[in-house]
Amino acid sequence: MVITPDPESTDRSKDQTPRRLLDAAARLWAEKGYAATSVRDITAAADCNVAAINYYFGNKQGLYEHVFKEILSSLREQRISAVSQVLDEAVIGKDIERVLRAFADSFLKPLMDQERGQVMIRLFNREMSDPQLPPSMFIQEMVEPIQQMMVRAMQSIYPGMAADAATMCLHSLVAQLIHLVQTRQFFAEAGRVNTVMADLDRLVEHIVQFSAAGVRMYEKDSR
């Protein structure tokens, strides 16, 4: 049996259907979670029939994986691009802060978007509490490429720095940024806006300076 997509109206291109499905699914999964969101929920929100998910993505799981691959690919490329743009000058000036700041800014900017950022944060939180993805996806799509790029960047500035030390510094930096995102959200939801957590620029600069000191300590020890 061949499954065909729903016929689209004359004023709507068929190529828009996958985009509508991806956006509707991401929004609903962020709100309700994977198990509580049915195929009919998604196709109704995307304004297409129930055959569309199977036609474009194979099944519900295929759509779920595609949503995350698209998000992870976008975040990965933004971070790699941001660091690449500052790396040459950072190497010349041995300015590790510049690299760390570029990474931190590119890490936070997509998540600070009021609408899309909140959807991404909720999606990641739900996936952590109720995993549906292959265990290797985050590693292959995000962790390994970013780790390789940042280790090379740190070693370009400090050639004697060991790869495992650079890796630990990166994961420490990421942990601080994730904590910042989560804590700011907790404070905002509680209506606590007049706290140190409200000053994003100050918080980012603290993380950059704190992390730079750690990188330099490892670099010093490697001499």
C-alpha atoms as a PDB file:
ATOM      1  CA  MET A   1       0.000   0.000   0.000  1.00  0.00           C
ATOM      2  CA  VAL A   2       1.402   3.373  -1.014  1.00  0.00           C
ATOM      3  CA  ILE A   3       0.645   6.242   1.340  1.00  0.00           C
ATOM      4  CA  THR A   4       0.263   9.588  -0.349  1.00  0.00           C
ATOM      5  CA  PRO A   5       0.222  12.981   1.318  1.00  0.00           C
ATOM      6  CA  ASP A   6      -2.930  15.000   1.653  1.00  0.00           C
ATOM      7  CA  PRO A   7      -3.733  17.210  -1.326  1.00  0.00           C
ATOM      8  CA  GLU A   8      -2.808  20.757  -0.456  1.00  0.00           C
ATOM      9  CA  SER A   9      -4.961  23.739  -1.364  1.00  0.00           C
ATOM     10  CA  THR A  10      -3.937  25.756  -4.410  1.00  0.00           C
ATOM     11  CA  ASP A  11      -2.518  28.572  -2.310  1.00  0.00           C
ATOM     12  CA  ARG A  12      -0.238  26.347  -0.254  1.00  0.00           C
ATOM     13  CA  SER A  13       2.861  24.594  -1.562  1.00  0.00           C
ATOM     14  CA  LYS A  14       3.353  20.911  -0.718  1.00  0.00           C
ATOM     15  CA  ASP A  15       6.884  21.794   0.348  1.00  0.00           C
ATOM     16  CA  GLN A  16       5.447  23.693   3.305  1.00  0.00           C
ATOM     17  CA  THR A  17       3.918  20.576   4.848  1.00  0.00           C
ATOM     18  CA  PRO A  18       7.141  19.180   6.396  1.00  0.00           C
ATOM     19  CA  ARG A  19       7.905  22.596   7.849  1.00  0.00           C
ATOM     20  CA  ARG A  20       4.456  22.873   9.408  1.00  0.00           C
ATOM     21  CA  LEU A  21       4.767  19.363  10.824  1.00  0.00           C
ATOM     22  CA  LEU A  22       8.177  20.066  12.334  1.00  0.00           C
ATOM     23  CA  ASP A  23       7.061  23.331  13.928  1.00  0.00           C
ATOM     24  CA  ALA A  24       3.773  21.926  15.234  1.00  0.00           C
ATOM     25  CA  ALA A  25       5.426  18.796  16.615  1.00  0.00           C
ATOM     26  CA  ALA A  26       8.181  20.739  18.382  1.00  0.00           C
ATOM     27  CA  ARG A  27       5.661  23.057  19.998  1.00  0.00           C
ATOM     28  CA  LEU A  28       3.329  20.251  21.126  1.00  0.00           C
ATOM     29  CA  TRP A  29       6.116  18.006  22.404  1.00  0.00           C
ATOM     30  CA  ALA A  30       7.522  20.929  24.373  1.00  0.00           C
ATOM     31  CA  GLU A  31       4.102  21.543  25.927  1.00  0.00           C
ATOM     32  CA  LYS A  32       2.873  17.987  26.486  1.00  0.00           C
ATOM     33  CA  GLY A  33       5.743  15.562  25.999  1.00  0.00           C
ATOM     34  CA  TYR A  34       6.217  12.778  23.459  1.00  0.00           C
ATOM     35  CA  ALA A  35       3.805  10.159  24.826  1.00  0.00           C
ATOM     36  CA  ALA A  36       0.972  12.603  25.489  1.00  0.00           C
ATOM     37  CA  THR A  37       1.075  14.009  21.954  1.00  0.00           C
ATOM     38  CA  SER A  38      -0.645  11.915  19.306  1.00  0.00           C
ATOM     39  CA  VAL A  39      -0.101  11.866  15.573  1.00  0.00           C
ATOM     40  CA  ARG A  40      -3.578  13.354  15.190  1.00  0.00           C
ATOM     41  CA  ASP A  41      -2.658  16.215  17.543  1.00  0.00           C
ATOM     42  CA  ILE A  42       0.349  17.064  15.391  1.00  0.00           C
ATOM     43  CA  THR A  43      -1.363  16.785  12.020  1.00  0.00           C
ATOM     44  CA  ALA A  44      -4.323  18.828  13.237  1.00  0.00           C
ATOM     45  CA  ALA A  45      -1.997  21.582  14.442  1.00  0.00           C
ATOM     46  CA  ALA A  46      -0.075  21.424  11.153  1.00  0.00           C
ATOM     47  CA  ASP A  47      -3.317  21.484   9.124  1.00  0.00           C
ATOM     48  CA  CYS A  48      -2.696  18.273   7.180  1.00  0.00           C
ATOM     49  CA  ASN A  49      -4.024  14.721   7.286  1.00  0.00           C
ATOM     50  CA  VAL A  50      -2.697  11.848   9.374  1.00  0.00           C
ATOM     51  CA  ALA A  51      -0.873  10.265   6.418  1.00  0.00           C
ATOM     52  CA  ALA A  52       1.521  13.216   6.158  1.00  0.00           C
ATOM     53  CA  ILE A  53       3.824  12.201   9.027  1.00  0.00           C
ATOM     54  CA  ASN A  54       4.362   8.714   7.578  1.00  0.00           C
ATOM     55  CA  TYR A  55       4.850  10.129   4.095  1.00  0.00           C
ATOM     56  CA  TYR A  56       7.483  12.724   5.007  1.00  0.00           C
ATOM     57  CA  PHE A  57       9.169  11.215   8.096  1.00  0.00           C
ATOM     58  CA  GLY A  58       8.300   7.512   8.190  1.00  0.00           C
ATOM     59  CA  ASN A  59       6.497   7.610  11.533  1.00  0.00           C
ATOM     60  CA  LYS A  60       6.130   9.639  14.726  1.00  0.00           C
ATOM     61  CA  GLN A  61       9.574   8.604  15.964  1.00  0.00           C
ATOM     62  CA  GLY A  62      11.131   9.658  12.678  1.00  0.00           C
ATOM     63  CA  LEU A  63       9.527  13.072  13.003  1.00  0.00           C
ATOM     64  CA  TYR A  64      10.775  13.369  16.593  1.00  0.00           C
ATOM     65  CA  GLU A  65      14.336  12.541  15.567  1.00  0.00           C
ATOM     66  CA  HIS A  66      14.166  14.994  12.666  1.00  0.00           C
ATOM     67  CA  VAL A  67      13.022  17.793  15.004  1.00  0.00           C
ATOM     68  CA  PHE A  68      16.045  17.240  17.235  1.00  0.00           C
ATOM     69  CA  LYS A  69      18.512  16.776  14.379  1.00  0.00           C
ATOM     70  CA  GLU A  70      17.411  20.084  12.909  1.00  0.00           C
ATOM     71  CA  ILE A  71      17.764  21.892  16.247  1.00  0.00           C
ATOM     72  CA  LEU A  72      21.116  20.304  17.075  1.00  0.00           C
ATOM     73  CA  SER A  73      22.506  21.012  13.614  1.00  0.00           C
ATOM     74  CA  SER A  74      21.524  24.676  13.852  1.00  0.00           C
ATOM     75  CA  LEU A  75      22.990  25.114  17.340  1.00  0.00           C
ATOM     76  CA  ARG A  76      26.190  23.288  16.374  1.00  0.00           C
ATOM     77  CA  GLU A  77      26.806  25.426  13.306  1.00  0.00           C
ATOM     78  CA  GLN A  78      26.099  28.669  15.173  1.00  0.00           C
ATOM     79  CA  ARG A  79      28.663  27.815  17.857  1.00  0.00           C
ATOM     80  CA  ILE A  80      31.324  26.636  15.429  1.00  0.00           C
ATOM     81  CA  SER A  81      30.852  29.728  13.267  1.00  0.00           C
ATOM     82  CA  ALA A  82      31.009  32.126  16.224  1.00  0.00           C
ATOM     83  CA  VAL A  83      34.298  30.710  17.515  1.00  0.00           C
ATOM     84  CA  SER A  84      35.823  30.425  14.033  1.00  0.00           C
ATOM     85  CA  GLN A  85      35.195  34.125  13.399  1.00  0.00           C
ATOM     86  CA  VAL A  86      37.279  35.245  16.395  1.00  0.00           C
ATOM     87  CA  LEU A  87      39.900  32.496  16.566  1.00  0.00           C
ATOM     88  CA  ASP A  88      42.665  34.002  14.411  1.00  0.00           C
ATOM     89  CA  GLU A  89      42.807  37.249  16.390  1.00  0.00           C
ATOM     90  CA  ALA A  90      42.435  35.362  19.654  1.00  0.00           C
ATOM     91  CA  VAL A  91      45.471  33.227  18.798  1.00  0.00           C
ATOM     92  CA  ILE A  92      47.565  36.297  17.934  1.00  0.00           C
ATOM     93  CA  GLY A  93      46.689  37.984  21.225  1.00  0.00           C
ATOM     94  CA  LYS A  94      46.524  34.758  23.289  1.00  0.00           C
ATOM     95  CA  ASP A  95      43.035  35.977  24.179  1.00  0.00           C
ATOM     96  CA  ILE A  96      41.248  32.911  25.532  1.00  0.00           C
ATOM     97  CA  GLU A  97      38.480  35.137  26.882  1.00  0.00           C
ATOM     98  CA  ARG A  98      37.535  36.083  23.329  1.00  0.00           C
ATOM     99  CA  VAL A  99      37.014  32.461  22.357  1.00  0.00           C
ATOM    100  CA  LEU A 100      35.081  31.627  25.514  1.00  0.00           C
ATOM    101  CA  ARG A 101      32.904  34.726  25.153  1.00  0.00           C
ATOM    102  CA  ALA A 102      32.086  33.927  21.519  1.00  0.00           C
ATOM    103  CA  PHE A 103      31.129  30.410  22.516  1.00  0.00           C
ATOM    104  CA  ALA A 104      29.042  31.570  25.482  1.00  0.00           C
ATOM    105  CA  ASP A 105      27.192  34.178  23.429  1.00  0.00           C
ATOM    106  CA  SER A 106      26.422  31.694  20.640  1.00  0.00           C
ATOM    107  CA  PHE A 107      25.310  29.134  23.230  1.00  0.00           C
ATOM    108  CA  LEU A 108      22.903  31.506  24.956  1.00  0.00           C
ATOM    109  CA  LYS A 109      21.523  33.607  22.113  1.00  0.00           C
ATOM    110  CA  PRO A 110      19.205  30.960  20.585  1.00  0.00           C
ATOM    111  CA  LEU A 111      17.928  29.980  24.034  1.00  0.00           C
ATOM    112  CA  MET A 112      17.145  33.567  24.976  1.00  0.00           C
ATOM    113  CA  ASP A 113      14.644  33.897  22.131  1.00  0.00           C
ATOM    114  CA  GLN A 114      11.337  34.310  23.916  1.00  0.00           C
ATOM    115  CA  GLU A 115       9.391  31.844  21.769  1.00  0.00           C
ATOM    116  CA  ARG A 116      11.746  29.443  20.013  1.00  0.00           C
ATOM    117  CA  GLY A 117      14.195  29.424  22.906  1.00  0.00           C
ATOM    118  CA  GLN A 118      11.524  28.343  25.367  1.00  0.00           C
ATOM    119  CA  VAL A 119      10.419  25.552  23.029  1.00  0.00           C
ATOM    120  CA  MET A 120      13.999  24.277  22.773  1.00  0.00           C
ATOM    121  CA  ILE A 121      14.566  24.396  26.528  1.00  0.00           C
ATOM    122  CA  ARG A 122      11.349  22.505  27.240  1.00  0.00           C
ATOM    123  CA  LEU A 123      12.119  19.949  24.525  1.00  0.00           C
ATOM    124  CA  PHE A 124      15.570  19.280  25.954  1.00  0.00           C
ATOM    125  CA  ASN A 125      14.180  19.016  29.486  1.00  0.00           C
ATOM    126  CA  ARG A 126      11.486  16.555  28.398  1.00  0.00           C
ATOM    127  CA  GLU A 127      13.975  14.436  26.460  1.00  0.00           C
ATOM    128  CA  MET A 128      16.231  14.276  29.524  1.00  0.00           C
ATOM    129  CA  SER A 129      13.370  13.132  31.779  1.00  0.00           C
ATOM    130  CA  ASP A 130      11.745  10.806  29.210  1.00  0.00           C
ATOM    131  CA  PRO A 131      14.366   9.778  26.608  1.00  0.00           C
ATOM    132  CA  GLN A 132      13.080   8.870  23.153  1.00  0.00           C
ATOM    133  CA  LEU A 133      16.186   9.487  21.041  1.00  0.00           C
ATOM    134  CA  PRO A 134      19.022   7.074  20.229  1.00  0.00           C
ATOM    135  CA  PRO A 135      21.630   7.513  22.996  1.00  0.00           C
ATOM    136  CA  SER A 136      24.322   8.458  20.489  1.00  0.00           C
ATOM    137  CA  MET A 137      22.417  11.264  18.766  1.00  0.00           C
ATOM    138  CA  PHE A 138      23.431  14.125  21.052  1.00  0.00           C
ATOM    139  CA  ILE A 139      27.029  12.904  21.044  1.00  0.00           C
ATOM    140  CA  GLN A 140      27.257  12.614  17.253  1.00  0.00           C
ATOM    141  CA  GLU A 141      25.251  15.702  16.345  1.00  0.00           C
ATOM    142  CA  MET A 142      26.482  18.107  19.041  1.00  0.00           C
ATOM    143  CA  VAL A 143      28.947  16.978  21.693  1.00  0.00           C
ATOM    144  CA  GLU A 144      31.763  15.524  19.572  1.00  0.00           C
ATOM    145  CA  PRO A 145      31.884  18.227  16.851  1.00  0.00           C
ATOM    146  CA  ILE A 146      31.774  21.055  19.406  1.00  0.00           C
ATOM    147  CA  GLN A 147      34.302  19.332  21.642  1.00  0.00           C
ATOM    148  CA  GLN A 148      36.744  18.807  18.780  1.00  0.00           C
ATOM    149  CA  MET A 149      36.398  22.427  17.663  1.00  0.00           C
ATOM    150  CA  MET A 150      36.860  23.921  21.132  1.00  0.00           C
ATOM    151  CA  VAL A 151      39.793  21.674  22.031  1.00  0.00           C
ATOM    152  CA  ARG A 152      41.544  22.763  18.827  1.00  0.00           C
ATOM    153  CA  ALA A 153      40.758  26.398  19.617  1.00  0.00           C
ATOM    154  CA  MET A 154      42.193  26.207  23.133  1.00  0.00           C
ATOM    155  CA  GLN A 155      45.268  24.335  21.937  1.00  0.00           C
ATOM    156  CA  SER A 156      45.778  26.919  19.181  1.00  0.00           C
ATOM    157  CA  ILE A 157      46.087  29.582  21.858  1.00  0.00           C
ATOM    158  CA  TYR A 158      47.969  27.368  24.337  1.00  0.00           C
ATOM    159  CA  PRO A 159      49.804  24.689  22.268  1.00  0.00           C
ATOM    160  CA  GLY A 160      51.074  22.870  25.349  1.00  0.00           C
ATOM    161  CA  MET A 161      47.614  22.295  26.802  1.00  0.00           C
ATOM    162  CA  ALA A 162      46.604  18.633  26.985  1.00  0.00           C
ATOM    163  CA  ALA A 163      43.479  17.600  25.082  1.00  0.00           C
ATOM    164  CA  ASP A 164      41.842  16.047  28.134  1.00  0.00           C
ATOM    165  CA  ALA A 165      42.380  19.249  30.145  1.00  0.00           C
ATOM    166  CA  ALA A 166      40.842  21.339  27.343  1.00  0.00           C
ATOM    167  CA  THR A 167      37.917  18.916  27.183  1.00  0.00           C
ATOM    168  CA  MET A 168      37.254  19.208  30.905  1.00  0.00           C
ATOM    169  CA  CYS A 169      37.397  23.000  30.681  1.00  0.00           C
ATOM    170  CA  LEU A 170      34.835  22.958  27.875  1.00  0.00           C
ATOM    171  CA  HIS A 171      32.422  20.723  29.787  1.00  0.00           C
ATOM    172  CA  SER A 172      32.784  22.946  32.850  1.00  0.00           C
ATOM    173  CA  LEU A 173      31.927  25.972  30.696  1.00  0.00           C
ATOM    174  CA  VAL A 174      28.880  24.247  29.194  1.00  0.00           C
ATOM    175  CA  ALA A 175      27.685  23.165  32.649  1.00  0.00           C
ATOM    176  CA  GLN A 176      27.849  26.751  33.889  1.00  0.00           C
ATOM    177  CA  LEU A 177      25.895  28.007  30.870  1.00  0.00           C
ATOM    178  CA  ILE A 178      23.205  25.344  31.279  1.00  0.00           C
ATOM    179  CA  HIS A 179      22.918  26.216  34.969  1.00  0.00           C
ATOM    180  CA  LEU A 180      22.580  29.887  34.025  1.00  0.00           C
ATOM    181  CA  VAL A 181      19.753  29.173  31.574  1.00  0.00           C
ATOM    182  CA  GLN A 182      17.862  26.947  34.004  1.00  0.00           C
ATOM    183  CA  THR A 183      18.288  29.200  37.023  1.00  0.00           C
ATOM    184  CA  ARG A 184      17.218  32.335  35.148  1.00  0.00           C
ATOM    185  CA  GLN A 185      14.092  30.497  34.078  1.00  0.00           C
ATOM    186  CA  PHE A 186      13.324  29.410  37.657  1.00  0.00           C
ATOM    187  CA  PHE A 187      13.734  32.961  38.937  1.00  0.00           C
ATOM    188  CA  ALA A 188      11.638  34.417  36.104  1.00  0.00           C
ATOM    189  CA  GLU A 189       8.794  31.934  36.680  1.00  0.00           C
ATOM    190  CA  ALA A 190       8.856  32.813  40.382  1.00  0.00           C
ATOM    191  CA  GLY A 191       8.652  36.532  39.593  1.00  0.00           C
ATOM    192  CA  ARG A 192      12.102  37.206  41.072  1.00  0.00           C
ATOM    193  CA  VAL A 193      13.416  39.611  38.463  1.00  0.00           C
ATOM    194  CA  ASN A 194      15.397  42.032  40.639  1.00  0.00           C
ATOM    195  CA  THR A 195      18.260  39.674  41.436  1.00  0.00           C
ATOM    196  CA  VAL A 196      21.783  39.106  40.182  1.00  0.00           C
ATOM    197  CA  MET A 197      20.290  36.511  37.800  1.00  0.00           C
ATOM    198  CA  ALA A 198      18.610  39.311  35.844  1.00  0.00           C
ATOM    199  CA  ASP A 199      21.927  40.808  34.702  1.00  0.00           C
ATOM    200  CA  LEU A 200      22.780  38.460  31.836  1.00  0.00           C
ATOM    201  CA  ASP A 201      25.838  40.377  30.597  1.00  0.00           C
ATOM    202  CA  ARG A 202      27.383  40.376  34.059  1.00  0.00           C
ATOM    203  CA  LEU A 203      26.704  36.665  34.503  1.00  0.00           C
ATOM    204  CA  VAL A 204      28.232  35.783  31.133  1.00  0.00           C
ATOM    205  CA  GLU A 205      31.317  37.847  31.862  1.00  0.00           C
ATOM    206  CA  HIS A 206      31.723  36.120  35.221  1.00  0.00           C
ATOM    207  CA  ILE A 207      31.525  32.696  33.550  1.00  0.00           C
ATOM    208  CA  VAL A 208      34.037  33.775  30.886  1.00  0.00           C
ATOM    209  CA  GLN A 209      36.545  35.109  33.427  1.00  0.00           C
ATOM    210  CA  PHE A 210      36.083  32.134  35.757  1.00  0.00           C
ATOM    211  CA  SER A 211      36.553  29.655  32.901  1.00  0.00           C
ATOM    212  CA  ALA A 212      39.535  31.544  31.460  1.00  0.00           C
ATOM    213  CA  ALA A 213      41.272  31.296  34.829  1.00  0.00           C
ATOM    214  CA  GLY A 214      40.717  27.539  34.792  1.00  0.00           C
ATOM    215  CA  VAL A 215      42.109  27.195  31.266  1.00  0.00           C
ATOM    216  CA  ARG A 216      45.209  29.182  32.220  1.00  0.00           C
ATOM    217  CA  MET A 217      45.738  27.030  35.309  1.00  0.00           C
ATOM    218  CA  TYR A 218      45.771  23.879  33.192  1.00  0.00           C
ATOM    219  CA  GLU A 219      48.016  25.548  30.612  1.00  0.00           C
ATOM    220  CA  LYS A 220      50.439  26.619  33.355  1.00  0.00           C
ATOM    221  CA  ASP A 221      50.538  23.104  34.813  1.00  0.00           C
ATOM    222  CA  SER A 222      51.332  21.627  31.396  1.00  0.00           C
ATOM    223  CA  ARG A 223      54.551  23.642  30.984  1.00  0.00           C
END
